Each structure stands twice: as C-alpha cells, then as structure tokens.
Amino acid sequence: MIKILRIVLSVVIIPLALYMLITKSFEWMPLNLFLLSLFVMVIGTDEFMKGRKQYGVLNFAASFFIVFVAFYTW
C-alpha cells in the first residue's frame, strides 16, 4: 500500500513541478509543496515500519515544516 502511494504521489508531483518550470507559472507551488509533504510523510511511515525510527522522525519533522511553508505561501 505504501509503495503504491509513493508511486502515485511521485507521478503527480514530478509532472506538476516540470509544468511549473517550463511555463514559469508558479501558482501551483503551494499544492505541489503540500503533495511533497505527503510524500515525505509516506517515506517517514515506511522508515518507521522498517525499524529506522531516527529517519522516520526526521522525515516527519521535514514534512511538518513543508506543510507550514505550503500554508504560509498559500
């Protein structure tokens, strides 16, 4: 389930970022940051499930920071 979620989020985030870079229209940046924070949170959950708690905590902290930046720029 987590692997599928990682793939789906990657398939959504990368084309959206490429679209913004090509068109130089960054109005979708908060959405892209929010999706990126979900992606990092999924990676953190995967790290917790593998038993690597330090990396999981680091990923969750990065995810919360990205959510803060996404809502601040929205």
N, C-alpha and C. Protein backbone atom coordinates (compact mmCIF):
# COMPACT_ATOMS: atom_id res chain seq x y z
N MET A 1 0.81 -1.19 0.00
CA MET A 1 0.00 0.00 0.00
C MET A 1 0.86 1.26 0.00
N ILE A 2 1.90 1.26 0.85
CA ILE A 2 2.76 2.43 0.93
C ILE A 2 3.55 2.61 -0.36
N LYS A 3 3.98 1.50 -0.95
CA LYS A 3 4.73 1.59 -2.20
C LYS A 3 3.86 2.18 -3.31
N ILE A 4 2.61 1.79 -3.36
CA ILE A 4 1.69 2.32 -4.38
C ILE A 4 1.46 3.81 -4.14
N LEU A 5 1.31 4.21 -2.88
CA LEU A 5 1.11 5.62 -2.56
C LEU A 5 2.33 6.45 -2.92
N ARG A 6 3.53 5.91 -2.70
CA ARG A 6 4.75 6.62 -3.09
C ARG A 6 4.81 6.81 -4.60
N ILE A 7 4.44 5.80 -5.35
CA ILE A 7 4.48 5.89 -6.81
C ILE A 7 3.46 6.89 -7.31
N VAL A 8 2.25 6.85 -6.77
CA VAL A 8 1.19 7.76 -7.20
C VAL A 8 1.58 9.21 -6.91
N LEU A 9 2.08 9.47 -5.71
CA LEU A 9 2.49 10.83 -5.37
C LEU A 9 3.65 11.30 -6.25
N SER A 10 4.57 10.41 -6.55
CA SER A 10 5.69 10.78 -7.43
C SER A 10 5.18 11.13 -8.82
N VAL A 11 4.22 10.35 -9.32
CA VAL A 11 3.69 10.59 -10.67
C VAL A 11 2.92 11.90 -10.72
N VAL A 12 2.39 12.36 -9.61
CA VAL A 12 1.66 13.64 -9.60
C VAL A 12 2.63 14.81 -9.38
N ILE A 13 3.59 14.66 -8.48
CA ILE A 13 4.47 15.76 -8.10
C ILE A 13 5.43 16.14 -9.23
N ILE A 14 6.07 15.17 -9.84
CA ILE A 14 7.10 15.47 -10.84
C ILE A 14 6.53 16.18 -12.07
N PRO A 15 5.43 15.72 -12.69
CA PRO A 15 4.91 16.48 -13.83
C PRO A 15 4.42 17.88 -13.46
N LEU A 16 3.85 18.02 -12.26
CA LEU A 16 3.41 19.34 -11.83
C LEU A 16 4.61 20.29 -11.67
N ALA A 17 5.69 19.80 -11.12
CA ALA A 17 6.89 20.62 -10.97
C ALA A 17 7.49 20.95 -12.34
N LEU A 18 7.51 19.99 -13.24
CA LEU A 18 8.02 20.26 -14.58
C LEU A 18 7.14 21.27 -15.32
N TYR A 19 5.85 21.18 -15.15
CA TYR A 19 4.94 22.15 -15.76
C TYR A 19 5.24 23.57 -15.25
N MET A 20 5.45 23.68 -13.95
CA MET A 20 5.73 25.00 -13.39
C MET A 20 7.07 25.54 -13.89
N LEU A 21 8.06 24.68 -14.04
CA LEU A 21 9.36 25.13 -14.52
C LEU A 21 9.31 25.54 -15.99
N ILE A 22 8.59 24.79 -16.79
CA ILE A 22 8.53 25.09 -18.22
C ILE A 22 7.74 26.36 -18.49
N THR A 23 6.58 26.51 -17.85
CA THR A 23 5.72 27.66 -18.11
C THR A 23 6.08 28.88 -17.25
N LYS A 24 6.95 28.70 -16.28
CA LYS A 24 7.32 29.76 -15.34
C LYS A 24 6.08 30.37 -14.64
N SER A 25 5.10 29.53 -14.42
CA SER A 25 3.89 29.92 -13.70
C SER A 25 3.86 29.13 -12.39
N PHE A 26 4.12 29.82 -11.30
CA PHE A 26 4.29 29.14 -10.02
C PHE A 26 3.06 29.25 -9.12
N GLU A 27 1.90 29.37 -9.72
CA GLU A 27 0.68 29.48 -8.92
C GLU A 27 0.28 28.15 -8.29
N TRP A 28 0.82 27.06 -8.77
CA TRP A 28 0.52 25.73 -8.22
C TRP A 28 1.54 25.30 -7.16
N MET A 29 2.45 26.19 -6.78
CA MET A 29 3.51 25.83 -5.85
C MET A 29 2.99 25.38 -4.47
N PRO A 30 2.01 26.06 -3.86
CA PRO A 30 1.53 25.56 -2.56
C PRO A 30 0.96 24.14 -2.64
N LEU A 31 0.24 23.84 -3.71
CA LEU A 31 -0.29 22.48 -3.87
C LEU A 31 0.85 21.48 -4.02
N ASN A 32 1.85 21.85 -4.80
CA ASN A 32 2.99 20.96 -5.01
C ASN A 32 3.75 20.75 -3.70
N LEU A 33 3.89 21.79 -2.90
CA LEU A 33 4.55 21.64 -1.60
C LEU A 33 3.74 20.76 -0.66
N PHE A 34 2.43 20.91 -0.68
CA PHE A 34 1.59 20.06 0.16
C PHE A 34 1.69 18.60 -0.25
N LEU A 35 1.67 18.33 -1.56
CA LEU A 35 1.82 16.96 -2.03
C LEU A 35 3.21 16.42 -1.69
N LEU A 36 4.23 17.28 -1.76
CA LEU A 36 5.57 16.86 -1.39
C LEU A 36 5.64 16.50 0.09
N SER A 37 4.94 17.25 0.92
CA SER A 37 4.93 16.93 2.35
C SER A 37 4.24 15.59 2.60
N LEU A 38 3.18 15.29 1.85
CA LEU A 38 2.55 13.98 1.97
C LEU A 38 3.51 12.87 1.55
N PHE A 39 4.27 13.13 0.49
CA PHE A 39 5.26 12.16 0.02
C PHE A 39 6.32 11.89 1.08
N VAL A 40 6.82 12.94 1.70
CA VAL A 40 7.84 12.78 2.75
C VAL A 40 7.24 12.07 3.96
N MET A 41 5.97 12.33 4.26
CA MET A 41 5.31 11.66 5.38
C MET A 41 5.16 10.16 5.10
N VAL A 42 4.86 9.81 3.86
CA VAL A 42 4.76 8.40 3.49
C VAL A 42 6.13 7.73 3.61
N ILE A 43 7.18 8.43 3.21
CA ILE A 43 8.53 7.87 3.35
C ILE A 43 8.86 7.69 4.83
N GLY A 44 8.47 8.66 5.67
CA GLY A 44 8.70 8.54 7.11
C GLY A 44 7.95 7.36 7.70
N THR A 45 6.73 7.13 7.25
CA THR A 45 5.97 5.97 7.72
C THR A 45 6.65 4.67 7.32
N ASP A 46 7.17 4.64 6.11
CA ASP A 46 7.90 3.46 5.64
C ASP A 46 9.15 3.23 6.48
N GLU A 47 9.85 4.30 6.84
CA GLU A 47 11.04 4.16 7.68
C GLU A 47 10.68 3.63 9.06
N PHE A 48 9.57 4.11 9.63
CA PHE A 48 9.13 3.58 10.93
C PHE A 48 8.81 2.10 10.83
N MET A 49 8.18 1.70 9.74
CA MET A 49 7.82 0.29 9.58
C MET A 49 9.05 -0.58 9.40
N LYS A 50 10.13 -0.03 8.85
CA LYS A 50 11.38 -0.78 8.69
C LYS A 50 12.21 -0.79 9.97
N GLY A 51 11.80 -0.01 10.98
CA GLY A 51 12.50 0.00 12.26
C GLY A 51 13.55 1.08 12.38
N ARG A 52 13.64 1.96 11.42
CA ARG A 52 14.61 3.07 11.47
C ARG A 52 13.89 4.31 11.98
N LYS A 53 13.79 4.41 13.30
CA LYS A 53 12.99 5.46 13.92
C LYS A 53 13.60 6.85 13.75
N GLN A 54 14.94 6.94 13.76
CA GLN A 54 15.56 8.26 13.62
C GLN A 54 15.23 8.88 12.27
N TYR A 55 15.30 8.10 11.20
CA TYR A 55 14.97 8.61 9.87
C TYR A 55 13.47 8.91 9.75
N GLY A 56 12.66 8.12 10.42
CA GLY A 56 11.23 8.37 10.41
C GLY A 56 10.88 9.69 11.08
N VAL A 57 11.49 9.94 12.23
CA VAL A 57 11.25 11.20 12.93
C VAL A 57 11.75 12.37 12.10
N LEU A 58 12.91 12.22 11.48
CA LEU A 58 13.46 13.28 10.63
C LEU A 58 12.54 13.57 9.45
N ASN A 59 12.00 12.53 8.83
CA ASN A 59 11.08 12.72 7.71
C ASN A 59 9.78 13.39 8.16
N PHE A 60 9.26 13.01 9.30
CA PHE A 60 8.04 13.65 9.80
C PHE A 60 8.28 15.11 10.14
N ALA A 61 9.44 15.43 10.72
CA ALA A 61 9.77 16.82 11.03
C ALA A 61 9.87 17.63 9.74
N ALA A 62 10.52 17.07 8.72
CA ALA A 62 10.63 17.76 7.43
C ALA A 62 9.25 17.93 6.80
N SER A 63 8.40 16.93 6.95
CA SER A 63 7.06 17.01 6.40
C SER A 63 6.25 18.12 7.05
N PHE A 64 6.33 18.24 8.37
CA PHE A 64 5.59 19.30 9.06
C PHE A 64 6.12 20.68 8.69
N PHE A 65 7.43 20.79 8.49
CA PHE A 65 8.00 22.06 8.05
C PHE A 65 7.51 22.42 6.66
N ILE A 66 7.45 21.45 5.75
CA ILE A 66 6.97 21.71 4.40
C ILE A 66 5.50 22.10 4.41
N VAL A 67 4.69 21.47 5.27
CA VAL A 67 3.28 21.86 5.39
C VAL A 67 3.17 23.30 5.89
N PHE A 68 4.00 23.66 6.85
CA PHE A 68 3.99 25.04 7.36
C PHE A 68 4.32 26.02 6.24
N VAL A 69 5.33 25.73 5.44
CA VAL A 69 5.72 26.62 4.34
C VAL A 69 4.60 26.65 3.28
N ALA A 70 3.98 25.53 3.01
CA ALA A 70 2.92 25.48 1.99
C ALA A 70 1.73 26.35 2.41
N PHE A 71 1.33 26.25 3.67
CA PHE A 71 0.20 27.07 4.12
C PHE A 71 0.58 28.53 4.29
N TYR A 72 1.83 28.79 4.57
CA TYR A 72 2.28 30.19 4.69
C TYR A 72 2.27 30.88 3.34
N THR A 73 2.59 30.14 2.28
CA THR A 73 2.64 30.75 0.94
C THR A 73 1.29 30.74 0.25
N TRP A 74 0.32 30.01 0.79
CA TRP A 74 -0.98 29.90 0.12
C TRP A 74 -1.72 31.16 0.25
